[in-house]
C-alpha atoms as a PDB file:
ATOM      1  CA  UNK A   1    -127.505 -51.233-102.472  1.00  0.00           C
ATOM      2  CA  UNK A   2    -124.724 -52.769-100.457  1.00  0.00           C
ATOM      3  CA  UNK A   3    -124.653 -51.768 -96.829  1.00  0.00           C
ATOM      4  CA  UNK A   4    -123.496 -48.392 -95.659  1.00  0.00           C
ATOM      5  CA  UNK A   5    -120.299 -49.680 -94.099  1.00  0.00           C
ATOM      6  CA  UNK A   6    -119.285 -51.579 -97.216  1.00  0.00           C
ATOM      7  CA  UNK A   7    -119.900 -48.617 -99.591  1.00  0.00           C
ATOM      8  CA  UNK A   8    -118.178 -46.150 -97.162  1.00  0.00           C
ATOM      9  CA  UNK A   9    -115.090 -48.255 -97.041  1.00  0.00           C
ATOM     10  CA  UNK A  10    -115.117 -48.921-100.891  1.00  0.00           C
ATOM     11  CA  UNK A  11    -115.529 -45.157-101.465  1.00  0.00           C
ATOM     12  CA  UNK A  12    -112.807 -44.218 -99.129  1.00  0.00           C
ATOM     13  CA  UNK A  13    -110.348 -46.541-100.677  1.00  0.00           C
ATOM     14  CA  UNK A  14    -111.220 -45.361-104.167  1.00  0.00           C
ATOM     15  CA  UNK A  15    -110.472 -41.860-103.117  1.00  0.00           C
ATOM     16  CA  UNK A  16    -107.305 -42.511-101.035  1.00  0.00           C
ATOM     17  CA  UNK A  17    -105.719 -45.454-102.846  1.00  0.00           C
ATOM     18  CA  UNK A  18    -104.888 -47.042 -99.484  1.00  0.00           C
ATOM     19  CA  UNK A  19    -104.127 -50.756 -99.824  1.00  0.00           C
ATOM     20  CA  UNK A  20    -101.566 -52.862-101.625  1.00  0.00           C
ATOM     21  CA  UNK A  21    -102.722 -54.518-104.905  1.00  0.00           C
ATOM     22  CA  UNK A  22    -100.381 -57.432-104.622  1.00  0.00           C
ATOM     23  CA  UNK A  23    -101.392 -58.393-101.101  1.00  0.00           C
ATOM     24  CA  UNK A  24    -105.067 -57.877-101.832  1.00  0.00           C
ATOM     25  CA  UNK A  25    -104.799 -59.990-105.001  1.00  0.00           C
ATOM     26  CA  UNK A  26    -103.156 -62.833-103.062  1.00  0.00           C
ATOM     27  CA  UNK A  27    -105.886 -62.611-100.353  1.00  0.00           C
ATOM     28  CA  UNK A  28    -108.619 -62.419-103.070  1.00  0.00           C
ATOM     29  CA  UNK A  29    -107.350 -65.621-104.703  1.00  0.00           C
ATOM     30  CA  UNK A  30    -107.767 -67.285-101.306  1.00  0.00           C
ATOM     31  CA  UNK A  31    -111.410 -66.146-101.312  1.00  0.00           C
ATOM     32  CA  UNK A  32    -111.369 -63.350 -98.754  1.00  0.00           C
ATOM     33  CA  UNK A  33    -114.398 -61.442 -99.397  1.00  0.00           C
ATOM     34  CA  UNK A  34    -112.952 -58.041 -97.960  1.00  0.00           C
ATOM     35  CA  UNK A  35    -109.779 -58.383-100.022  1.00  0.00           C
ATOM     36  CA  UNK A  36    -111.895 -58.864-103.182  1.00  0.00           C
ATOM     37  CA  UNK A  37    -113.918 -55.677-102.390  1.00  0.00           C
ATOM     38  CA  UNK A  38    -110.886 -53.609-101.520  1.00  0.00           C
ATOM     39  CA  UNK A  39    -109.099 -54.782-104.571  1.00  0.00           C
ATOM     40  CA  UNK A  40    -112.069 -53.685-106.843  1.00  0.00           C
ATOM     41  CA  UNK A  41    -112.046 -50.288-105.040  1.00  0.00           C
ATOM     42  CA  UNK A  42    -108.397 -49.818-106.253  1.00  0.00           C
ATOM     43  CA  UNK A  43    -109.279 -50.864-109.810  1.00  0.00           C
ATOM     44  CA  UNK A  44    -112.189 -48.338-109.555  1.00  0.00           C
ATOM     45  CA  UNK A  45    -109.752 -45.704-108.462  1.00  0.00           C
ATOM     46  CA  UNK A  46    -107.426 -46.234-111.435  1.00  0.00           C
ATOM     47  CA  UNK A  47    -110.464 -46.511-113.878  1.00  0.00           C
ATOM     48  CA  UNK A  48    -112.316 -43.448-112.693  1.00  0.00           C
ATOM     49  CA  UNK A  49    -109.797 -41.248-110.943  1.00  0.00           C
ATOM     50  CA  UNK A  50    -106.053 -41.878-111.654  1.00  0.00           C
ATOM     51  CA  UNK A  51    -105.571 -43.538-114.977  1.00  0.00           C
ATOM     52  CA  UNK A  52    -101.826 -43.023-114.683  1.00  0.00           C
ATOM     53  CA  UNK A  53    -101.755 -45.632-112.031  1.00  0.00           C
ATOM     54  CA  UNK A  54    -103.248 -48.331-114.167  1.00  0.00           C
ATOM     55  CA  UNK A  55     -99.985 -50.104-115.041  1.00  0.00           C
ATOM     56  CA  UNK A  56     -98.663 -50.105-111.442  1.00  0.00           C
ATOM     57  CA  UNK A  57    -102.125 -51.361-110.151  1.00  0.00           C
ATOM     58  CA  UNK A  58    -102.606 -54.142-112.685  1.00  0.00           C
ATOM     59  CA  UNK A  59     -99.096 -55.247-112.835  1.00  0.00           C
ATOM     60  CA  UNK A  60     -98.840 -55.666-109.038  1.00  0.00           C
ATOM     61  CA  UNK A  61    -102.370 -57.231-108.758  1.00  0.00           C
ATOM     62  CA  UNK A  62    -101.448 -59.736-111.570  1.00  0.00           C
ATOM     63  CA  UNK A  63     -98.295 -60.723-109.898  1.00  0.00           C
ATOM     64  CA  UNK A  64    -100.135 -61.225-106.612  1.00  0.00           C
ATOM     65  CA  UNK A  65    -102.637 -63.204-108.246  1.00  0.00           C
ATOM     66  CA  UNK A  66    -100.341 -65.502-110.001  1.00  0.00           C
ATOM     67  CA  UNK A  67     -98.092 -65.854-106.962  1.00  0.00           C
ATOM     68  CA  UNK A  68     -95.188 -63.922-108.316  1.00  0.00           C
ATOM     69  CA  UNK A  69     -92.924 -61.514-106.629  1.00  0.00           C
ATOM     70  CA  UNK A  70     -93.509 -57.675-107.087  1.00  0.00           C
ATOM     71  CA  UNK A  71     -92.396 -54.428-105.871  1.00  0.00           C
ATOM     72  CA  UNK A  72     -94.982 -52.655-103.703  1.00  0.00           C
ATOM     73  CA  UNK A  73     -97.320 -50.467-105.708  1.00  0.00           C
ATOM     74  CA  UNK A  74     -98.340 -47.058-104.099  1.00  0.00           C
ATOM     75  CA  UNK A  75    -101.742 -45.976-105.537  1.00  0.00           C
ATOM     76  CA  UNK A  76    -102.089 -43.035-103.198  1.00  0.00           C
ATOM     77  CA  UNK A  77    -100.641 -40.483-105.672  1.00  0.00           C
ATOM     78  CA  UNK A  78    -102.298 -38.253-108.195  1.00  0.00           C
ATOM     79  CA  UNK A  79    -104.376 -35.076-108.153  1.00  0.00           C
ATOM     80  CA  UNK A  80    -107.789 -36.472-108.955  1.00  0.00           C
ATOM     81  CA  UNK A  81    -110.772 -37.238-106.808  1.00  0.00           C
ATOM     82  CA  UNK A  82    -113.931 -39.421-107.307  1.00  0.00           C
ATOM     83  CA  UNK A  83    -116.712 -37.454-108.701  1.00  0.00           C
ATOM     84  CA  UNK A  84    -119.617 -37.363-106.186  1.00  0.00           C
ATOM     85  CA  UNK A  85    -121.985 -38.138-109.016  1.00  0.00           C
ATOM     86  CA  UNK A  86    -120.471 -41.429-109.603  1.00  0.00           C
ATOM     87  CA  UNK A  87    -121.714 -43.327-106.606  1.00  0.00           C
ATOM     88  CA  UNK A  88    -125.560 -43.186-107.033  1.00  0.00           C
ATOM     89  CA  UNK A  89    -125.608 -44.663-110.490  1.00  0.00           C
ATOM     90  CA  UNK A  90    -122.568 -47.084-109.675  1.00  0.00           C
ATOM     91  CA  UNK A  91    -124.414 -48.639-106.660  1.00  0.00           C
ATOM     92  CA  UNK A  92    -127.713 -48.680-108.544  1.00  0.00           C
ATOM     93  CA  UNK A  93    -126.164 -50.588-111.393  1.00  0.00           C
ATOM     94  CA  UNK A  94    -124.374 -52.954-109.014  1.00  0.00           C
ATOM     95  CA  UNK A  95    -127.835 -53.890-107.707  1.00  0.00           C
ATOM     96  CA  UNK A  96    -129.520 -54.200-111.079  1.00  0.00           C
ATOM     97  CA  UNK A  97    -130.038 -57.778-111.926  1.00  0.00           C
ATOM     98  CA  UNK A  98    -132.089 -57.457-115.039  1.00  0.00           C
ATOM     99  CA  UNK A  99    -130.816 -58.978-118.191  1.00  0.00           C
ATOM    100  CA  UNK A 100    -129.494 -56.598-120.935  1.00  0.00           C
ATOM    101  CA  UNK A 101    -127.788 -57.187-124.210  1.00  0.00           C
ATOM    102  CA  UNK A 102    -124.123 -56.377-124.670  1.00  0.00           C
ATOM    103  CA  UNK A 103    -124.860 -52.989-126.404  1.00  0.00           C
ATOM    104  CA  UNK A 104    -127.130 -51.849-123.514  1.00  0.00           C
ATOM    105  CA  UNK A 105    -124.595 -52.883-121.064  1.00  0.00           C
ATOM    106  CA  UNK A 106    -121.820 -51.084-122.880  1.00  0.00           C
ATOM    107  CA  UNK A 107    -123.763 -47.878-123.042  1.00  0.00           C
ATOM    108  CA  UNK A 108    -124.652 -48.076-119.316  1.00  0.00           C
ATOM    109  CA  UNK A 109    -121.054 -48.518-118.311  1.00  0.00           C
ATOM    110  CA  UNK A 110    -120.173 -45.706-120.562  1.00  0.00           C
ATOM    111  CA  UNK A 111    -122.803 -43.687-118.655  1.00  0.00           C
ATOM    112  CA  UNK A 112    -120.851 -44.129-115.530  1.00  0.00           C
ATOM    113  CA  UNK A 113    -117.808 -42.709-117.245  1.00  0.00           C
ATOM    114  CA  UNK A 114    -119.229 -39.266-117.424  1.00  0.00           C
ATOM    115  CA  UNK A 115    -118.959 -38.928-113.680  1.00  0.00           C
ATOM    116  CA  UNK A 116    -115.182 -38.005-113.549  1.00  0.00           C
ATOM    117  CA  UNK A 117    -113.600 -34.621-112.627  1.00  0.00           C
ATOM    118  CA  UNK A 118    -112.859 -31.886-114.932  1.00  0.00           C
ATOM    119  CA  UNK A 119    -109.211 -32.922-115.492  1.00  0.00           C
ATOM    120  CA  UNK A 120    -109.788 -36.576-115.986  1.00  0.00           C
ATOM    121  CA  UNK A 121    -109.702 -36.670-119.825  1.00  0.00           C
ATOM    122  CA  UNK A 122    -106.292 -34.830-119.787  1.00  0.00           C
ATOM    123  CA  UNK A 123    -104.864 -37.392-117.306  1.00  0.00           C
ATOM    124  CA  UNK A 124    -106.328 -40.333-119.214  1.00  0.00           C
ATOM    125  CA  UNK A 125    -104.688 -39.019-122.441  1.00  0.00           C
ATOM    126  CA  UNK A 126    -101.378 -38.472-120.917  1.00  0.00           C
ATOM    127  CA  UNK A 127    -101.528 -41.948-119.402  1.00  0.00           C
ATOM    128  CA  UNK A 128    -102.179 -43.638-122.718  1.00  0.00           C
ATOM    129  CA  UNK A 129     -99.350 -41.698-124.363  1.00  0.00           C
ATOM    130  CA  UNK A 130     -96.904 -43.141-121.819  1.00  0.00           C
ATOM    131  CA  UNK A 131     -97.413 -46.646-123.091  1.00  0.00           C
ATOM    132  CA  UNK A 132     -95.313 -48.057-125.764  1.00  0.00           C
ATOM    133  CA  UNK A 133     -96.312 -47.709-129.266  1.00  0.00           C
ATOM    134  CA  UNK A 134     -99.219 -45.284-128.473  1.00  0.00           C
ATOM    135  CA  UNK A 135     -97.604 -41.858-129.430  1.00  0.00           C
ATOM    136  CA  UNK A 136     -96.549 -43.330-132.968  1.00  0.00           C
ATOM    137  CA  UNK A 137    -100.126 -44.794-133.498  1.00  0.00           C
ATOM    138  CA  UNK A 138    -101.698 -41.488-132.619  1.00  0.00           C
ATOM    139  CA  UNK A 139     -99.373 -39.510-134.856  1.00  0.00           C
ATOM    140  CA  UNK A 140    -101.080 -41.243-137.825  1.00  0.00           C
ATOM    141  CA  UNK A 141    -104.177 -39.164-137.398  1.00  0.00           C
ATOM    142  CA  UNK A 142    -107.837 -39.965-137.571  1.00  0.00           C
ATOM    143  CA  UNK A 143    -108.265 -43.596-138.684  1.00  0.00           C
ATOM    144  CA  UNK A 144    -109.821 -44.019-142.170  1.00  0.00           C
ATOM    145  CA  UNK A 145    -112.730 -46.484-142.188  1.00  0.00           C
ATOM    146  CA  UNK A 146    -112.429 -49.984-143.423  1.00  0.00           C
ATOM    147  CA  UNK A 147    -114.930 -51.144-146.075  1.00  0.00           C
ATOM    148  CA  UNK A 148    -116.629 -54.462-146.756  1.00  0.00           C
ATOM    149  CA  UNK A 149    -115.607 -53.893-150.468  1.00  0.00           C
ATOM    150  CA  UNK A 150    -111.919 -54.009-149.744  1.00  0.00           C
ATOM    151  CA  UNK A 151    -112.423 -57.202-147.420  1.00  0.00           C
ATOM    152  CA  UNK A 152    -114.445 -58.883-150.081  1.00  0.00           C
ATOM    153  CA  UNK A 153    -111.502 -58.634-152.450  1.00  0.00           C
ATOM    154  CA  UNK A 154    -109.264 -60.572-150.198  1.00  0.00           C
ATOM    155  CA  UNK A 155    -108.345 -64.240-151.005  1.00  0.00           C
ATOM    156  CA  UNK A 156    -109.854 -67.146-149.176  1.00  0.00           C
ATOM    157  CA  UNK A 157    -108.067 -67.800-145.887  1.00  0.00           C
ATOM    158  CA  UNK A 158    -106.548 -64.379-145.635  1.00  0.00           C
ATOM    159  CA  UNK A 159    -106.831 -62.056-142.720  1.00  0.00           C
ATOM    160  CA  UNK A 160    -109.113 -59.804-144.566  1.00  0.00           C
ATOM    161  CA  UNK A 161    -111.414 -62.763-145.659  1.00  0.00           C
ATOM    162  CA  UNK A 162    -111.630 -64.096-142.090  1.00  0.00           C
ATOM    163  CA  UNK A 163    -112.358 -60.665-140.712  1.00  0.00           C
ATOM    164  CA  UNK A 164    -115.125 -60.125-143.278  1.00  0.00           C
ATOM    165  CA  UNK A 165    -116.564 -63.627-142.503  1.00  0.00           C
ATOM    166  CA  UNK A 166    -116.499 -62.805-138.901  1.00  0.00           C
ATOM    167  CA  UNK A 167    -118.475 -59.680-139.551  1.00  0.00           C
ATOM    168  CA  UNK A 168    -121.043 -61.160-141.831  1.00  0.00           C
ATOM    169  CA  UNK A 169    -121.636 -64.664-140.106  1.00  0.00           C
ATOM    170  CA  UNK A 170    -122.274 -62.862-136.813  1.00  0.00           C
ATOM    171  CA  UNK A 171    -124.351 -59.950-138.142  1.00  0.00           C
ATOM    172  CA  UNK A 172    -121.932 -57.520-136.753  1.00  0.00           C
ATOM    173  CA  UNK A 173    -121.444 -53.863-137.983  1.00  0.00           C
ATOM    174  CA  UNK A 174    -117.989 -53.272-139.381  1.00  0.00           C
ATOM    175  CA  UNK A 175    -117.343 -50.980-136.322  1.00  0.00           C
ATOM    176  CA  UNK A 176    -118.706 -51.911-132.942  1.00  0.00           C
ATOM    177  CA  UNK A 177    -120.491 -48.500-132.566  1.00  0.00           C
ATOM    178  CA  UNK A 178    -120.874 -45.645-134.906  1.00  0.00           C
ATOM    179  CA  UNK A 179    -117.948 -43.234-134.186  1.00  0.00           C
ATOM    180  CA  UNK A 180    -119.830 -40.102-135.638  1.00  0.00           C
ATOM    181  CA  UNK A 181    -123.029 -40.759-133.646  1.00  0.00           C
ATOM    182  CA  UNK A 182    -120.989 -40.927-130.475  1.00  0.00           C
ATOM    183  CA  UNK A 183    -119.260 -37.617-131.395  1.00  0.00           C
ATOM    184  CA  UNK A 184    -115.745 -38.972-130.990  1.00  0.00           C
ATOM    185  CA  UNK A 185    -114.091 -36.280-133.216  1.00  0.00           C
ATOM    186  CA  UNK A 186    -115.122 -33.918-130.318  1.00  0.00           C
ATOM    187  CA  UNK A 187    -113.198 -35.673-127.699  1.00  0.00           C
ATOM    188  CA  UNK A 188    -109.876 -34.150-126.765  1.00  0.00           C
ATOM    189  CA  UNK A 189    -106.735 -35.704-128.248  1.00  0.00           C
ATOM    190  CA  UNK A 190    -105.588 -38.367-128.040  1.00  0.00           C
ATOM    191  CA  UNK A 191    -108.888 -39.774-126.826  1.00  0.00           C
ATOM    192  CA  UNK A 192    -110.475 -39.017-130.089  1.00  0.00           C
ATOM    193  CA  UNK A 193    -108.162 -41.302-131.951  1.00  0.00           C
ATOM    194  CA  UNK A 194    -107.942 -43.972-129.254  1.00  0.00           C
ATOM    195  CA  UNK A 195    -111.644 -44.411-129.015  1.00  0.00           C
ATOM    196  CA  UNK A 196    -112.258 -44.440-132.838  1.00  0.00           C
ATOM    197  CA  UNK A 197    -109.519 -46.861-133.216  1.00  0.00           C
ATOM    198  CA  UNK A 198    -110.867 -49.245-130.610  1.00  0.00           C
ATOM    199  CA  UNK A 199    -114.404 -49.264-132.261  1.00  0.00           C
ATOM    200  CA  UNK A 200    -112.704 -49.922-135.599  1.00  0.00           C
ATOM    201  CA  UNK A 201    -110.337 -52.623-134.439  1.00  0.00           C
ATOM    202  CA  UNK A 202    -111.914 -54.312-131.505  1.00  0.00           C
ATOM    203  CA  UNK A 203    -113.342 -57.198-133.504  1.00  0.00           C
ATOM    204  CA  UNK A 204    -110.153 -57.404-135.574  1.00  0.00           C
ATOM    205  CA  UNK A 205    -108.084 -57.658-132.356  1.00  0.00           C
ATOM    206  CA  UNK A 206    -110.491 -60.507-131.309  1.00  0.00           C
ATOM    207  CA  UNK A 207    -109.374 -62.411-134.487  1.00  0.00           C
ATOM    208  CA  UNK A 208    -105.668 -61.632-134.399  1.00  0.00           C
ATOM    209  CA  UNK A 209    -105.203 -62.062-130.675  1.00  0.00           C
ATOM    210  CA  UNK A 210    -107.170 -65.356-130.567  1.00  0.00           C
ATOM    211  CA  UNK A 211    -110.121 -64.002-128.427  1.00  0.00           C
ATOM    212  CA  UNK A 212    -113.380 -65.910-129.019  1.00  0.00           C
ATOM    213  CA  UNK A 213    -116.625 -63.998-129.393  1.00  0.00           C
ATOM    214  CA  UNK A 214    -117.929 -64.979-126.023  1.00  0.00           C
ATOM    215  CA  UNK A 215    -118.831 -63.225-122.797  1.00  0.00           C
ATOM    216  CA  UNK A 216    -115.701 -64.497-120.985  1.00  0.00           C
ATOM    217  CA  UNK A 217    -113.334 -63.508-123.774  1.00  0.00           C
ATOM    218  CA  UNK A 218    -115.015 -60.054-123.998  1.00  0.00           C
ATOM    219  CA  UNK A 219    -113.877 -59.403-120.505  1.00  0.00           C
ATOM    220  CA  UNK A 220    -110.257 -60.870-121.349  1.00  0.00           C
ATOM    221  CA  UNK A 221    -109.983 -58.599-124.439  1.00  0.00           C
ATOM    222  CA  UNK A 222    -110.974 -55.507-122.427  1.00  0.00           C
ATOM    223  CA  UNK A 223    -107.955 -56.129-120.124  1.00  0.00           C
ATOM    224  CA  UNK A 224    -105.918 -56.722-123.235  1.00  0.00           C
ATOM    225  CA  UNK A 225    -106.891 -53.422-124.649  1.00  0.00           C
ATOM    226  CA  UNK A 226    -106.290 -51.737-121.375  1.00  0.00           C
ATOM    227  CA  UNK A 227    -102.698 -53.164-121.231  1.00  0.00           C
ATOM    228  CA  UNK A 228    -102.071 -52.271-124.808  1.00  0.00           C
ATOM    229  CA  UNK A 229    -103.150 -48.452-124.801  1.00  0.00           C
ATOM    230  CA  UNK A 230    -104.657 -47.597-121.508  1.00  0.00           C
ATOM    231  CA  UNK A 231    -108.321 -47.641-122.904  1.00  0.00           C
ATOM    232  CA  UNK A 232    -110.185 -45.630-120.349  1.00  0.00           C
ATOM    233  CA  UNK A 233    -113.521 -47.335-121.099  1.00  0.00           C
ATOM    234  CA  UNK A 234    -111.919 -50.774-120.549  1.00  0.00           C
ATOM    235  CA  UNK A 235    -110.555 -49.700-117.195  1.00  0.00           C
ATOM    236  CA  UNK A 236    -114.053 -48.540-116.170  1.00  0.00           C
ATOM    237  CA  UNK A 237    -115.800 -51.681-117.532  1.00  0.00           C
ATOM    238  CA  UNK A 238    -113.296 -53.957-115.742  1.00  0.00           C
ATOM    239  CA  UNK A 239    -113.640 -52.090-112.437  1.00  0.00           C
ATOM    240  CA  UNK A 240    -117.336 -52.267-112.674  1.00  0.00           C
ATOM    241  CA  UNK A 241    -117.825 -56.033-113.611  1.00  0.00           C
ATOM    242  CA  UNK A 242    -115.306 -57.087-111.049  1.00  0.00           C
ATOM    243  CA  UNK A 243    -116.973 -55.087-108.395  1.00  0.00           C
ATOM    244  CA  UNK A 244    -120.333 -56.590-109.349  1.00  0.00           C
ATOM    245  CA  UNK A 245    -118.877 -60.058-109.150  1.00  0.00           C
ATOM    246  CA  UNK A 246    -117.082 -59.457-105.916  1.00  0.00           C
ATOM    247  CA  UNK A 247    -120.164 -58.045-104.194  1.00  0.00           C
ATOM    248  CA  UNK A 248    -122.914 -59.990-105.697  1.00  0.00           C
ATOM    249  CA  UNK A 249    -121.401 -63.240-106.857  1.00  0.00           C
ATOM    250  CA  UNK A 250    -118.273 -63.684-104.811  1.00  0.00           C
ATOM    251  CA  UNK A 251    -118.230 -67.398-105.676  1.00  0.00           C
ATOM    252  CA  UNK A 252    -117.542 -66.504-109.260  1.00  0.00           C
ATOM    253  CA  UNK A 253    -115.266 -63.563-108.660  1.00  0.00           C
ATOM    254  CA  UNK A 254    -112.000 -65.686-108.680  1.00  0.00           C
ATOM    255  CA  UNK A 255    -112.741 -66.820-112.192  1.00  0.00           C
ATOM    256  CA  UNK A 256    -113.373 -63.249-113.367  1.00  0.00           C
ATOM    257  CA  UNK A 257    -110.154 -62.091-111.779  1.00  0.00           C
ATOM    258  CA  UNK A 258    -108.157 -64.873-113.583  1.00  0.00           C
ATOM    259  CA  UNK A 259    -109.630 -63.795-116.844  1.00  0.00           C
ATOM    260  CA  UNK A 260    -108.907 -60.160-116.100  1.00  0.00           C
ATOM    261  CA  UNK A 261    -105.284 -60.581-115.053  1.00  0.00           C
ATOM    262  CA  UNK A 262    -104.437 -63.118-117.849  1.00  0.00           C
ATOM    263  CA  UNK A 263    -105.832 -60.814-120.429  1.00  0.00           C
ATOM    264  CA  UNK A 264    -103.856 -57.947-118.853  1.00  0.00           C
ATOM    265  CA  UNK A 265    -100.578 -60.014-119.022  1.00  0.00           C
ATOM    266  CA  UNK A 266    -101.421 -61.072-122.609  1.00  0.00           C
ATOM    267  CA  UNK A 267    -101.651 -57.379-123.636  1.00  0.00           C
ATOM    268  CA  UNK A 268     -98.455 -56.361-121.800  1.00  0.00           C
ATOM    269  CA  UNK A 269     -96.555 -59.234-123.486  1.00  0.00           C
ATOM    270  CA  UNK A 270     -97.914 -58.576-127.046  1.00  0.00           C
ATOM    271  CA  UNK A 271     -96.332 -55.806-129.143  1.00  0.00           C
ATOM    272  CA  UNK A 272     -98.701 -52.799-129.493  1.00  0.00           C
ATOM    273  CA  UNK A 273    -101.211 -53.390-132.242  1.00  0.00           C
ATOM    274  CA  UNK A 274    -102.851 -49.869-132.102  1.00  0.00           C
ATOM    275  CA  UNK A 275    -100.983 -48.378-135.111  1.00  0.00           C
ATOM    276  CA  UNK A 276    -100.640 -51.519-137.252  1.00  0.00           C
ATOM    277  CA  UNK A 277    -101.391 -50.806-141.045  1.00  0.00           C
ATOM    278  CA  UNK A 278    -103.992 -53.639-141.341  1.00  0.00           C
ATOM    279  CA  UNK A 279    -104.663 -52.695-145.081  1.00  0.00           C
ATOM    280  CA  UNK A 280    -101.190 -53.787-145.819  1.00  0.00           C
ATOM    281  CA  UNK A 281    -101.893 -57.132-144.195  1.00  0.00           C
ATOM    282  CA  UNK A 282    -105.365 -58.035-145.549  1.00  0.00           C
ATOM    283  CA  UNK A 283    -104.136 -60.427-148.100  1.00  0.00           C
ATOM    284  CA  UNK A 284    -101.798 -62.468-145.986  1.00  0.00           C
ATOM    285  CA  UNK A 285    -102.851 -65.650-144.167  1.00  0.00           C
ATOM    286  CA  UNK A 286    -104.078 -64.780-140.550  1.00  0.00           C
ATOM    287  CA  UNK A 287    -101.351 -67.065-139.019  1.00  0.00           C
ATOM    288  CA  UNK A 288     -98.684 -65.347-141.087  1.00  0.00           C
ATOM    289  CA  UNK A 289     -99.865 -61.935-139.800  1.00  0.00           C
ATOM    290  CA  UNK A 290     -99.719 -63.149-136.108  1.00  0.00           C
ATOM    291  CA  UNK A 291     -96.106 -64.486-136.803  1.00  0.00           C
ATOM    292  CA  UNK A 292     -95.144 -61.093-138.436  1.00  0.00           C
ATOM    293  CA  UNK A 293     -96.540 -59.052-135.703  1.00  0.00           C
ATOM    294  CA  UNK A 294     -95.344 -61.340-132.844  1.00  0.00           C
ATOM    295  CA  UNK A 295     -98.752 -62.140-131.535  1.00  0.00           C
ATOM    296  CA  UNK A 296     -99.435 -65.324-129.681  1.00  0.00           C
ATOM    297  CA  UNK A 297    -103.121 -66.323-129.234  1.00  0.00           C
ATOM    298  CA  UNK A 298    -104.657 -65.594-125.948  1.00  0.00           C
ATOM    299  CA  UNK A 299    -103.986 -68.648-123.617  1.00  0.00           C
ATOM    300  CA  UNK A 300    -107.550 -68.898-122.180  1.00  0.00           C
ATOM    301  CA  UNK A 301    -107.508 -70.401-118.731  1.00  0.00           C
ATOM    302  CA  UNK A 302    -111.035 -71.663-118.987  1.00  0.00           C
ATOM    303  CA  UNK A 303    -113.196 -72.829-121.932  1.00  0.00           C
ATOM    304  CA  UNK A 304    -114.150 -69.577-124.028  1.00  0.00           C
ATOM    305  CA  UNK A 305    -117.803 -70.401-123.948  1.00  0.00           C
ATOM    306  CA  UNK A 306    -117.919 -71.322-120.165  1.00  0.00           C
ATOM    307  CA  UNK A 307    -120.568 -68.529-119.489  1.00  0.00           C
ATOM    308  CA  UNK A 308    -122.693 -69.651-122.335  1.00  0.00           C
ATOM    309  CA  UNK A 309    -122.529 -73.244-121.193  1.00  0.00           C
ATOM    310  CA  UNK A 310    -123.510 -72.287-117.651  1.00  0.00           C
ATOM    311  CA  UNK A 311    -126.428 -70.213-118.942  1.00  0.00           C
ATOM    312  CA  UNK A 312    -127.651 -73.167-121.054  1.00  0.00           C
ATOM    313  CA  UNK A 313    -127.531 -75.328-117.941  1.00  0.00           C
ATOM    314  CA  UNK A 314    -129.381 -72.649-115.897  1.00  0.00           C
ATOM    315  CA  UNK A 315    -126.415 -72.108-113.658  1.00  0.00           C
ATOM    316  CA  UNK A 316    -125.682 -68.500-114.557  1.00  0.00           C
END
């Protein structure tokens, strides 16, 4: 576990929202370790306590990171408070250096998400509904599942064909996790729809948004999803991985912040994809679909497989 002074400061910032994300991001880019930790505490606040503050926090931090002007962001508002049960598993997970696959990591981060106050789900839902395109998408109702049969009927080179090949060639399930086994229908609206749609379309957004199936781009697309529809799991995932990097691998944290804030910017600049009628686009070439939807591929600041390259070289 990090030392007591560090954890006390981190938890206090998460509770209060003290600090200015623009200035902290500027200092973090210069390699200041305390600024990295304080910025991560603010990201943890908006991920686990005050989701309505996500746009303000990330917009200001991204502007600071990229050296752009921004109005000050006040993250002290809101009615929530950190759940006391969050911190023991949070710090335990920060210290855990064991290797785990993506599925196990996802489930463990999701386990942190249960440690929120009683009104958090309502606040998260309202925060998502405040973003452009989200209310109209939610109004479409529970998303009907895609099928491999409909994708197999698509012509070569079409979006549906590319999506099918992405699923089969990587031995993926058509949805990232099974929505029914996770009990997503039992979530309060709009979180039921948002989480089911994320499982259904995550790998499709990879394809349409130009995100590779790599560790680095998995982080980037989480920031994209957060910007697009305020996905609460993505907010919590990003807060955790940024904190783990800042505290345990500070030499690599600037790379991670670059990926997070560039993915966030990409999501903010891309029209909302949440409610797109993908079935009406299956037969069109993927590039035509991007042009029709106004989607530019993610401008990756690093080689997409950088983490995998470092692992092969024994450097990660």
